[in-house]
Amino acid sequence: MIRKVLIANRGEIALRIIRTCHEMGLRTVAVFSTADRDSLHVRFADEAVCIGPPPSRESYLRFDRILAAAEVTGADAIHPGYGFLAENADFSAICEDHHIKFIGPSPETIRLMGDKSLAKDTMRAAGVPVVPGSDGVVETVEDGQRIARKFGYPVIIKASAGGGGRGMRVVMNESDFANAFATASNEAEAAFGNGSVYVEKFVTSPRHIEIQVLGDGRGHVIHYGERECSIQRRHQKLLEESPSPVVDASLRARMGDAAVRGAAAVKYEGAGTVEFLLDANGDFYFMEMNTRIQVEHPVTEEVTDTDLIAQQIRVALGESIEDDHQAPVGHAIEARINAEDPFRNFSPSPGRVHTFHPPGGHGVRVDTHVYTGYQIPPYYDSMIAKLIVRARTRNLAIEKMLRALDEFVIEGIQTTVPFHKQLLRHPEFVAGRFDTRFLESFELVPPQA
């Protein structure tokens, strides 16, 4: 039985989880650093505990302080949200040791899916298509070059324990391989404490398609369709939508079945995402599995009429999964509103928000922890809001998003709102003709003086 949930996160996702918990009759505990004491997630939780100074390593990444907050408030479950400790197997295990329910997969599953090489082997064994590449970690430059010759250039070197584009290098020819191998390994060691890398064929002009899955931890898994996540800058997503403009019912069924097989093979528990690369021929390949709720989960919620946070909690309560999910209805788009200046290479723009007026109207949703007078701290991720719209068709959703962006007033800082306005008017985006490298050639027009 779960009666009180501590949210081991901050900002909009913490507030998002708090709302669902209250709807389910669960009490909530917020944790916060001194930089976040005025955040809305602190205000709307039933209880709040300060866990340290602003730096994440001294607050949101401190196992001991979060567990102490859970024990002193009597929380019997912890929801990690996304980021921070959401995919930390050691934290999940420590929660188990303290008899606190971790709302997410087991430590073993997190470890398995967190190692890109082992995850790929697991998916291959489950019959999930994988990109041709090395069988596990590549130990030497010479071994990597032999693999690259076997599958042909270009290839991509990836950190085995990595993500977010770190420890990753595309190699176009053999003369560049040795340097790229060393750079990727060193970057992986610095970022993740693990310099292991693997090599795989680089899929040209790919689209990034992910499947939302939900498992009960006993081998029963369902999926909620796909999300199109190809609009990225330096491997960081900026805009997502569901369904994808290039995925039809047949491809959706095949990708969904593959994702379900892979998640079932590891007896996945809770909400997760199986991510694929989709090439121009309609062939798809497993890329990675994110063992947590995703930033972009609202677009799936909007087209399937499902509260995915509630589903996570129901699974944690031991409830069975009902096969009542539906194919996507309508179209949803999410624009990440970041405190960044898109006209200065997306440089961070923390500071005080003098005016904050979110848009409204039919089919418009804003997930945010920001308000007029809020001070955006410089210590954390720059995302301050997610603007989600829903309409009957993709074209109508684009028009609704443009209208909502025009209504979104944020003064005192720079944001990515102008970027999204230009992106959504780009003819190739409107036509659905883009891939993960689309923004490399996207020309942002500076505002006129």
Protein backbone atom coordinates (compact mmCIF):
# COMPACT_ATOMS: atom_id res chain seq x y z
CA MET A 1 0.00 0.00 0.00
CA ILE A 2 1.24 3.48 -0.93
CA ARG A 3 -0.14 6.42 1.05
CA LYS A 4 2.52 9.11 0.71
CA VAL A 5 4.84 9.77 -2.24
CA LEU A 6 8.07 11.75 -2.08
CA ILE A 7 9.00 13.30 -5.42
CA ALA A 8 12.78 13.20 -5.81
CA ASN A 9 12.84 15.94 -8.41
CA ARG A 10 12.07 19.59 -8.99
CA GLY A 11 10.21 22.01 -11.26
CA GLU A 12 7.46 21.12 -13.66
CA ILE A 13 7.78 17.33 -13.46
CA ALA A 14 7.56 17.43 -9.65
CA LEU A 15 4.42 19.55 -9.88
CA ARG A 16 3.03 17.23 -12.57
CA ILE A 17 3.47 14.20 -10.30
CA ILE A 18 2.00 16.02 -7.29
CA ARG A 19 -1.19 16.77 -9.21
CA THR A 20 -1.76 13.14 -10.18
CA CYS A 21 -0.99 11.92 -6.66
CA HIS A 22 -3.60 14.29 -5.22
CA GLU A 23 -6.17 13.09 -7.75
CA MET A 24 -5.45 9.53 -6.59
CA GLY A 25 -5.84 10.46 -2.92
CA LEU A 26 -2.12 10.21 -2.13
CA ARG A 27 -0.26 12.68 0.06
CA THR A 28 2.94 14.19 -1.32
CA VAL A 29 6.34 15.33 -0.13
CA ALA A 30 8.44 17.81 -2.11
CA VAL A 31 12.20 18.07 -1.70
CA PHE A 32 13.98 21.24 -2.70
CA SER A 33 17.32 22.99 -2.70
CA THR A 34 17.64 26.48 -1.28
CA ALA A 35 17.47 27.80 -4.86
CA ASP A 36 14.03 26.23 -5.32
CA ARG A 37 12.28 27.22 -2.11
CA ASP A 38 9.88 29.48 -4.07
CA SER A 39 9.07 26.89 -6.77
CA LEU A 40 5.43 25.88 -7.20
CA HIS A 41 6.15 22.21 -6.53
CA VAL A 42 7.16 23.21 -3.01
CA ARG A 43 4.00 25.23 -2.52
CA PHE A 44 1.54 22.60 -3.73
CA ALA A 45 2.98 19.52 -2.02
CA ASP A 46 1.49 18.50 1.33
CA GLU A 47 4.92 18.63 2.93
CA ALA A 48 8.31 19.97 1.82
CA VAL A 49 11.84 19.30 3.00
CA CYS A 50 14.96 21.28 2.13
CA ILE A 51 17.76 18.90 1.16
CA GLY A 52 20.69 21.22 0.62
CA PRO A 53 22.28 24.10 -1.30
CA PRO A 54 21.73 24.79 -5.02
CA PRO A 55 24.31 22.49 -6.68
CA SER A 56 22.65 19.20 -7.66
CA ARG A 57 25.50 17.12 -6.24
CA GLU A 58 24.74 18.64 -2.82
CA SER A 59 20.95 18.28 -3.00
CA TYR A 60 18.99 16.44 -5.70
CA LEU A 61 21.72 13.84 -6.23
CA ARG A 62 22.21 13.09 -2.53
CA PHE A 63 20.80 9.64 -1.71
CA ASP A 64 21.17 10.16 2.02
CA ARG A 65 19.31 13.44 2.19
CA ILE A 66 16.43 12.26 0.01
CA LEU A 67 16.04 9.05 2.03
CA ALA A 68 16.23 11.02 5.27
CA ALA A 69 13.42 13.27 3.97
CA ALA A 70 11.35 10.18 3.14
CA GLU A 71 11.90 8.67 6.58
CA VAL A 72 11.20 11.83 8.57
CA THR A 73 7.94 12.46 6.65
CA GLY A 74 6.83 8.83 6.57
CA ALA A 75 6.82 8.59 2.78
CA ASP A 76 6.43 4.98 1.65
CA ALA A 77 7.21 5.57 -2.04
CA ILE A 78 9.57 7.72 -4.11
CA HIS A 79 8.83 8.92 -7.63
CA PRO A 80 12.08 10.03 -9.32
CA GLY A 81 10.56 11.91 -12.29
CA TYR A 82 13.13 12.24 -15.07
CA GLY A 83 16.79 13.24 -14.87
CA PHE A 84 18.71 13.32 -11.57
CA LEU A 85 18.25 9.84 -9.99
CA ALA A 86 15.52 8.50 -12.27
CA GLU A 87 17.83 5.99 -13.96
CA ASN A 88 20.19 5.37 -11.08
CA ALA A 89 20.17 1.66 -10.24
CA ASP A 90 21.97 2.20 -6.94
CA PHE A 91 19.31 4.63 -5.77
CA SER A 92 16.54 2.20 -6.76
CA ALA A 93 18.32 -0.55 -4.82
CA ILE A 94 18.78 1.61 -1.72
CA CYS A 95 15.07 2.47 -1.77
CA GLU A 96 14.37 -1.27 -1.76
CA ASP A 97 16.75 -1.78 1.15
CA HIS A 98 14.88 0.87 3.13
CA HIS A 99 11.47 -0.67 2.26
CA ILE A 100 10.48 2.40 0.26
CA LYS A 101 8.80 1.68 -3.06
CA PHE A 102 10.76 3.08 -6.00
CA ILE A 103 8.17 4.00 -8.63
CA GLY A 104 10.01 2.60 -11.62
CA PRO A 105 11.81 -0.53 -12.79
CA SER A 106 14.04 -2.80 -10.71
CA PRO A 107 17.71 -1.99 -10.14
CA GLU A 108 18.63 -4.95 -12.36
CA THR A 109 16.57 -3.63 -15.27
CA ILE A 110 17.98 -0.12 -14.91
CA ARG A 111 21.53 -1.48 -14.96
CA LEU A 112 20.87 -3.73 -17.94
CA MET A 113 19.21 -1.04 -20.06
CA GLY A 114 21.68 1.61 -18.90
CA ASP A 115 24.55 -0.30 -20.48
CA LYS A 116 24.05 0.35 -24.19
CA SER A 117 26.04 -2.68 -25.26
CA LEU A 118 24.20 -5.12 -22.97
CA ALA A 119 20.87 -3.54 -23.86
CA LYS A 120 21.56 -4.09 -27.54
CA ASP A 121 22.45 -7.75 -26.92
CA THR A 122 19.27 -8.21 -24.90
CA MET A 123 17.10 -6.69 -27.61
CA ARG A 124 18.75 -8.76 -30.32
CA ALA A 125 18.02 -11.92 -28.33
CA ALA A 126 14.38 -10.82 -28.01
CA GLY A 127 14.05 -10.46 -31.78
CA VAL A 128 14.16 -6.67 -31.83
CA PRO A 129 15.99 -5.21 -34.88
CA VAL A 130 19.29 -3.62 -33.92
CA VAL A 131 21.77 -1.55 -35.89
CA PRO A 132 24.66 -3.73 -37.16
CA GLY A 133 27.73 -3.23 -35.04
CA SER A 134 30.10 -4.60 -32.47
CA ASP A 135 29.19 -7.47 -30.19
CA GLY A 136 29.66 -5.57 -26.98
CA VAL A 137 32.35 -3.16 -25.89
CA VAL A 138 35.24 -2.45 -28.30
CA GLU A 139 38.54 -2.57 -26.45
CA THR A 140 41.01 -1.21 -29.03
CA VAL A 141 41.19 1.11 -32.01
CA GLU A 142 42.26 -1.81 -34.22
CA ASP A 143 39.20 -3.86 -33.23
CA GLY A 144 36.97 -0.89 -33.93
CA GLN A 145 38.51 -0.32 -37.35
CA ARG A 146 37.95 -3.98 -38.29
CA ILE A 147 34.28 -3.67 -37.34
CA ALA A 148 33.96 -0.43 -39.32
CA ARG A 149 35.44 -2.08 -42.42
CA LYS A 150 33.03 -4.99 -42.05
CA PHE A 151 29.88 -2.84 -42.04
CA GLY A 152 31.23 0.09 -44.05
CA TYR A 153 31.61 3.75 -43.24
CA PRO A 154 30.13 5.92 -41.86
CA VAL A 155 30.03 4.42 -38.37
CA ILE A 156 29.23 5.90 -34.98
CA ILE A 157 31.21 5.38 -31.77
CA LYS A 158 29.02 5.51 -28.65
CA ALA A 159 29.61 5.49 -24.92
CA SER A 160 28.41 2.20 -23.48
CA ALA A 161 27.10 3.89 -20.34
CA GLY A 162 26.21 7.21 -21.94
CA GLY A 163 23.41 9.31 -23.29
CA GLY A 164 22.51 12.84 -24.32
CA GLY A 165 25.10 12.92 -27.09
CA ARG A 166 28.13 12.68 -24.79
CA GLY A 167 30.79 10.13 -25.68
CA MET A 168 29.46 9.93 -29.22
CA ARG A 169 31.33 10.50 -32.50
CA VAL A 170 30.39 9.91 -36.14
CA VAL A 171 33.32 8.69 -38.25
CA MET A 172 33.16 9.10 -42.02
CA ASN A 173 36.42 7.31 -42.95
CA GLU A 174 39.20 5.21 -41.45
CA SER A 175 41.73 8.03 -41.25
CA ASP A 176 39.54 9.75 -38.64
CA PHE A 177 38.73 6.65 -36.61
CA ALA A 178 41.60 6.57 -34.10
CA ASN A 179 41.16 10.18 -33.02
CA ALA A 180 37.36 9.84 -32.77
CA PHE A 181 37.72 6.64 -30.73
CA ALA A 182 40.03 8.31 -28.21
CA THR A 183 37.87 11.42 -27.98
CA ALA A 184 34.64 9.45 -27.43
CA SER A 185 36.25 7.24 -24.79
CA ASN A 186 37.76 10.17 -22.89
CA GLU A 187 34.51 12.09 -22.99
CA ALA A 188 32.59 9.04 -21.76
CA GLU A 189 35.04 8.57 -18.88
CA ALA A 190 34.68 12.21 -17.86
CA ALA A 191 30.88 12.24 -18.11
CA PHE A 192 29.94 8.78 -16.80
CA GLY A 193 33.01 7.39 -15.07
CA ASN A 194 33.12 4.66 -17.70
CA GLY A 195 35.17 5.04 -20.88
CA SER A 196 33.84 1.91 -22.59
CA VAL A 197 32.53 2.43 -26.11
CA TYR A 198 30.98 0.36 -28.87
CA VAL A 199 30.79 0.81 -32.63
CA GLU A 200 27.82 0.50 -34.93
CA LYS A 201 26.78 1.36 -38.47
CA PHE A 202 25.69 4.98 -38.77
CA VAL A 203 22.19 5.24 -40.22
CA THR A 204 22.09 8.21 -42.59
CA SER A 205 19.06 10.55 -42.59
CA PRO A 206 17.38 8.76 -39.69
CA ARG A 207 14.28 9.74 -37.81
CA HIS A 208 14.14 9.31 -34.04
CA ILE A 209 10.96 7.42 -33.18
CA GLU A 210 10.17 6.22 -29.68
CA ILE A 211 7.48 3.87 -28.40
CA GLN A 212 5.84 4.43 -25.02
CA VAL A 213 5.52 1.17 -23.08
CA LEU A 214 4.06 0.15 -19.73
CA GLY A 215 4.96 -3.10 -17.96
CA ASP A 216 3.78 -4.81 -14.79
CA GLY A 217 7.18 -6.28 -13.86
CA ARG A 218 5.97 -9.81 -14.53
CA GLY A 219 6.35 -9.88 -18.31
CA HIS A 220 3.06 -8.24 -19.31
CA VAL A 221 3.70 -5.11 -21.41
CA ILE A 222 1.52 -2.84 -23.54
CA HIS A 223 2.38 0.16 -25.71
CA TYR A 224 0.74 3.52 -26.39
CA GLY A 225 2.01 4.23 -29.88
CA GLU A 226 4.92 6.37 -31.02
CA ARG A 227 6.37 9.83 -30.62
CA GLU A 228 8.30 11.68 -33.30
CA CYS A 229 11.44 13.13 -31.67
CA SER A 230 13.65 14.02 -34.65
CA ILE A 231 13.75 17.77 -34.02
CA GLN A 232 16.96 17.89 -32.01
CA ARG A 233 19.89 20.15 -31.42
CA ARG A 234 23.12 18.42 -30.39
CA HIS A 235 21.10 15.29 -29.56
CA GLN A 236 18.78 17.28 -27.29
CA LYS A 237 15.11 17.22 -28.22
CA LEU A 238 13.33 20.54 -28.71
CA LEU A 239 9.94 19.53 -30.12
CA GLU A 240 8.03 16.25 -30.15
CA GLU A 241 4.75 15.08 -31.63
CA SER A 242 2.44 12.10 -31.75
CA PRO A 243 1.72 10.37 -34.00
CA SER A 244 4.72 10.64 -36.31
CA PRO A 245 3.89 12.05 -39.77
CA VAL A 246 5.70 9.10 -41.40
CA VAL A 247 4.42 6.19 -39.31
CA ASP A 248 1.32 4.43 -40.62
CA ALA A 249 -0.81 1.80 -38.86
CA SER A 250 1.24 -1.10 -40.18
CA LEU A 251 4.61 0.37 -39.16
CA ARG A 252 3.17 1.42 -35.79
CA ALA A 253 2.08 -2.15 -35.14
CA ARG A 254 5.50 -3.54 -36.06
CA MET A 255 7.43 -1.03 -33.98
CA GLY A 256 5.01 -1.44 -31.09
CA ASP A 257 5.31 -5.21 -31.15
CA ALA A 258 9.11 -4.96 -31.17
CA ALA A 259 9.09 -2.56 -28.23
CA VAL A 260 6.74 -4.81 -26.26
CA ARG A 261 8.93 -7.87 -26.94
CA GLY A 262 12.03 -6.03 -25.75
CA ALA A 263 10.42 -4.67 -22.59
CA ALA A 264 8.81 -8.02 -21.78
CA ALA A 265 12.18 -9.75 -22.13
CA VAL A 266 13.49 -7.79 -19.12
CA LYS A 267 10.18 -8.00 -17.21
CA TYR A 268 9.94 -4.24 -17.31
CA GLU A 269 8.00 -2.49 -14.55
CA GLY A 270 6.37 0.90 -14.99
CA ALA A 271 6.49 3.44 -17.81
CA GLY A 272 9.44 3.37 -20.18
CA THR A 273 10.40 4.26 -23.70
CA VAL A 274 11.98 2.10 -26.37
CA GLU A 275 13.78 4.34 -28.86
CA PHE A 276 14.36 3.47 -32.51
CA LEU A 277 16.11 4.91 -35.54
CA LEU A 278 13.86 4.80 -38.62
CA ASP A 279 15.55 4.97 -42.02
CA ALA A 280 14.19 6.22 -45.33
CA ASN A 281 13.21 2.69 -46.37
CA GLY A 282 10.94 2.19 -43.36
CA ASP A 283 13.39 -0.11 -41.57
CA PHE A 284 13.83 0.55 -37.87
CA TYR A 285 16.58 -0.30 -35.39
CA PHE A 286 16.74 -0.33 -31.59
CA MET A 287 18.76 2.56 -30.20
CA GLU A 288 18.21 2.56 -26.44
CA MET A 289 15.62 2.21 -23.70
CA ASN A 290 14.88 5.00 -21.25
CA THR A 291 13.81 3.44 -17.96
CA ARG A 292 11.73 6.38 -16.73
CA ILE A 293 8.96 8.75 -17.69
CA GLN A 294 10.03 11.06 -20.52
CA VAL A 295 9.89 14.85 -20.77
CA GLU A 296 7.65 14.43 -23.82
CA HIS A 297 5.13 12.03 -22.26
CA PRO A 298 2.26 14.59 -22.47
CA VAL A 299 1.88 14.20 -26.25
CA THR A 300 1.11 10.52 -25.74
CA GLU A 301 -1.27 11.36 -22.92
CA GLU A 302 -3.15 13.79 -25.15
CA VAL A 303 -3.69 11.41 -28.09
CA THR A 304 -4.48 8.33 -25.99
CA ASP A 305 -6.42 10.05 -23.15
CA THR A 306 -4.16 8.40 -20.58
CA ASP A 307 -2.50 9.71 -17.41
CA LEU A 308 0.87 7.98 -17.63
CA ILE A 309 1.93 9.09 -14.15
CA ALA A 310 -1.20 7.47 -12.74
CA GLN A 311 -0.37 4.31 -14.68
CA GLN A 312 3.11 4.28 -13.14
CA ILE A 313 1.64 4.54 -9.66
CA ARG A 314 -0.97 1.85 -10.32
CA VAL A 315 1.76 -0.54 -11.42
CA ALA A 316 3.73 0.30 -8.27
CA LEU A 317 0.61 -0.53 -6.25
CA GLY A 318 0.58 -3.97 -7.86
CA GLU A 319 -2.50 -3.40 -9.97
CA SER A 320 -2.85 -5.30 -13.24
CA ILE A 321 -2.42 -3.60 -16.60
CA GLU A 322 -5.57 -3.40 -18.68
CA ASP A 323 -5.28 -3.88 -22.44
CA ASP A 324 -7.67 -0.99 -23.10
CA HIS A 325 -5.24 1.40 -24.73
CA GLN A 326 -6.20 2.81 -28.09
CA ALA A 327 -4.54 3.89 -31.28
CA PRO A 328 -3.72 7.62 -31.33
CA VAL A 329 -6.69 9.89 -31.91
CA GLY A 330 -5.92 13.31 -33.35
CA HIS A 331 -2.50 14.92 -33.17
CA ALA A 332 -0.45 16.45 -30.35
CA ILE A 333 2.71 18.58 -30.42
CA GLU A 334 4.95 19.59 -27.52
CA ALA A 335 7.30 22.56 -27.66
CA ARG A 336 9.94 22.74 -24.95
CA ILE A 337 10.15 26.31 -23.68
CA ASN A 338 13.70 26.80 -22.45
CA ALA A 339 15.28 29.79 -20.76
CA GLU A 340 17.77 30.14 -23.60
CA ASP A 341 18.56 32.75 -26.23
CA PRO A 342 18.13 31.01 -29.62
CA PHE A 343 19.81 33.96 -31.37
CA ARG A 344 22.98 33.53 -29.28
CA ASN A 345 23.60 29.85 -29.88
CA PHE A 346 20.92 28.90 -27.33
CA SER A 347 22.97 30.27 -24.44
CA PRO A 348 21.29 29.95 -21.02
CA SER A 349 19.17 32.88 -19.85
CA PRO A 350 18.46 32.56 -16.13
CA GLY A 351 17.02 35.47 -14.18
CA ARG A 352 13.79 36.93 -12.82
CA VAL A 353 10.61 36.53 -14.83
CA HIS A 354 8.89 39.92 -14.85
CA THR A 355 5.80 38.76 -16.74
CA PHE A 356 4.52 35.22 -17.26
CA HIS A 357 1.27 34.81 -19.17
CA PRO A 358 0.69 31.27 -20.46
CA PRO A 359 -1.68 30.64 -23.36
CA GLY A 360 -5.04 28.91 -22.97
CA GLY A 361 -8.06 27.82 -24.94
CA HIS A 362 -9.33 24.52 -26.30
CA GLY A 363 -6.65 21.87 -26.75
CA VAL A 364 -3.86 23.87 -25.09
CA ARG A 365 -1.91 22.58 -22.07
CA VAL A 366 1.01 24.19 -20.25
CA ASP A 367 3.12 22.19 -17.79
CA THR A 368 5.27 24.62 -15.80
CA HIS A 369 6.44 25.64 -12.35
CA VAL A 370 7.09 29.25 -13.36
CA TYR A 371 5.07 32.37 -12.52
CA THR A 372 5.45 36.13 -12.63
CA GLY A 373 8.25 37.11 -10.25
CA TYR A 374 9.86 33.68 -10.25
CA GLN A 375 13.66 33.62 -10.21
CA ILE A 376 15.01 31.02 -12.64
CA PRO A 377 18.16 29.58 -11.06
CA PRO A 378 21.28 28.96 -13.15
CA TYR A 379 22.05 25.57 -11.63
CA TYR A 380 19.68 23.23 -13.46
CA ASP A 381 18.25 22.29 -16.84
CA SER A 382 17.02 25.36 -18.72
CA MET A 383 13.53 24.04 -19.51
CA ILE A 384 10.93 26.20 -17.78
CA ALA A 385 7.71 25.03 -19.46
CA LYS A 386 6.22 22.56 -21.89
CA LEU A 387 3.55 23.84 -24.25
CA ILE A 388 1.35 21.03 -25.56
CA VAL A 389 -1.46 21.37 -28.07
CA ARG A 390 -3.96 18.84 -29.41
CA ALA A 391 -6.12 18.99 -32.55
CA ARG A 392 -7.84 16.66 -35.02
CA THR A 393 -5.04 16.81 -37.61
CA ARG A 394 -1.36 17.66 -37.71
CA ASN A 395 -1.92 20.83 -39.72
CA LEU A 396 -4.54 22.02 -37.25
CA ALA A 397 -2.18 21.22 -34.37
CA ILE A 398 0.55 23.31 -36.00
CA GLU A 399 -1.82 26.26 -36.39
CA LYS A 400 -2.97 25.90 -32.78
CA MET A 401 0.62 25.78 -31.57
CA LEU A 402 1.47 28.95 -33.50
CA ARG A 403 -1.52 30.70 -31.96
CA ALA A 404 -0.53 29.51 -28.48
CA LEU A 405 3.07 30.65 -28.96
CA ASP A 406 1.83 34.09 -29.97
CA GLU A 407 -0.12 34.25 -26.69
CA PHE A 408 2.79 33.05 -24.54
CA VAL A 409 4.22 36.16 -22.87
CA ILE A 410 7.47 35.69 -20.93
CA GLU A 411 9.37 38.87 -20.09
CA GLY A 412 12.62 39.38 -18.22
CA ILE A 413 14.51 36.48 -19.81
CA GLN A 414 15.11 35.08 -23.28
CA THR A 415 13.27 31.91 -24.32
CA THR A 416 12.99 29.48 -27.23
CA VAL A 417 9.51 30.74 -28.17
CA PRO A 418 10.83 32.64 -31.25
CA PHE A 419 12.67 29.52 -32.42
CA HIS A 420 9.52 27.42 -32.28
CA LYS A 421 7.56 30.01 -34.24
CA GLN A 422 10.06 29.89 -37.09
CA LEU A 423 10.36 26.11 -36.99
CA LEU A 424 6.62 25.57 -37.19
CA ARG A 425 6.40 27.79 -40.28
CA HIS A 426 9.23 26.05 -42.12
CA PRO A 427 7.82 24.40 -45.28
CA GLU A 428 9.82 21.19 -44.78
CA PHE A 429 8.63 20.81 -41.20
CA VAL A 430 5.03 21.46 -42.21
CA ALA A 431 5.38 18.82 -44.93
CA GLY A 432 6.85 16.35 -42.42
CA ARG A 433 10.12 16.09 -44.34
CA PHE A 434 12.87 16.15 -41.72
CA ASP A 435 15.29 13.91 -39.86
CA THR A 436 17.54 14.18 -36.81
CA ARG A 437 19.95 16.50 -38.68
CA PHE A 438 17.26 18.92 -39.81
CA LEU A 439 18.34 21.73 -37.46
CA GLU A 440 21.91 21.61 -38.76
CA SER A 441 20.70 23.40 -41.89
CA PHE A 442 17.88 25.35 -40.25
CA GLU A 443 18.52 29.09 -40.51
CA LEU A 444 17.09 31.07 -37.62
CA VAL A 445 16.28 34.61 -38.69
CA PRO A 446 17.35 37.19 -36.06
CA PRO A 447 14.71 39.69 -34.94
CA GLN A 448 14.79 43.05 -36.65
CA ALA A 449 16.19 45.90 -34.55
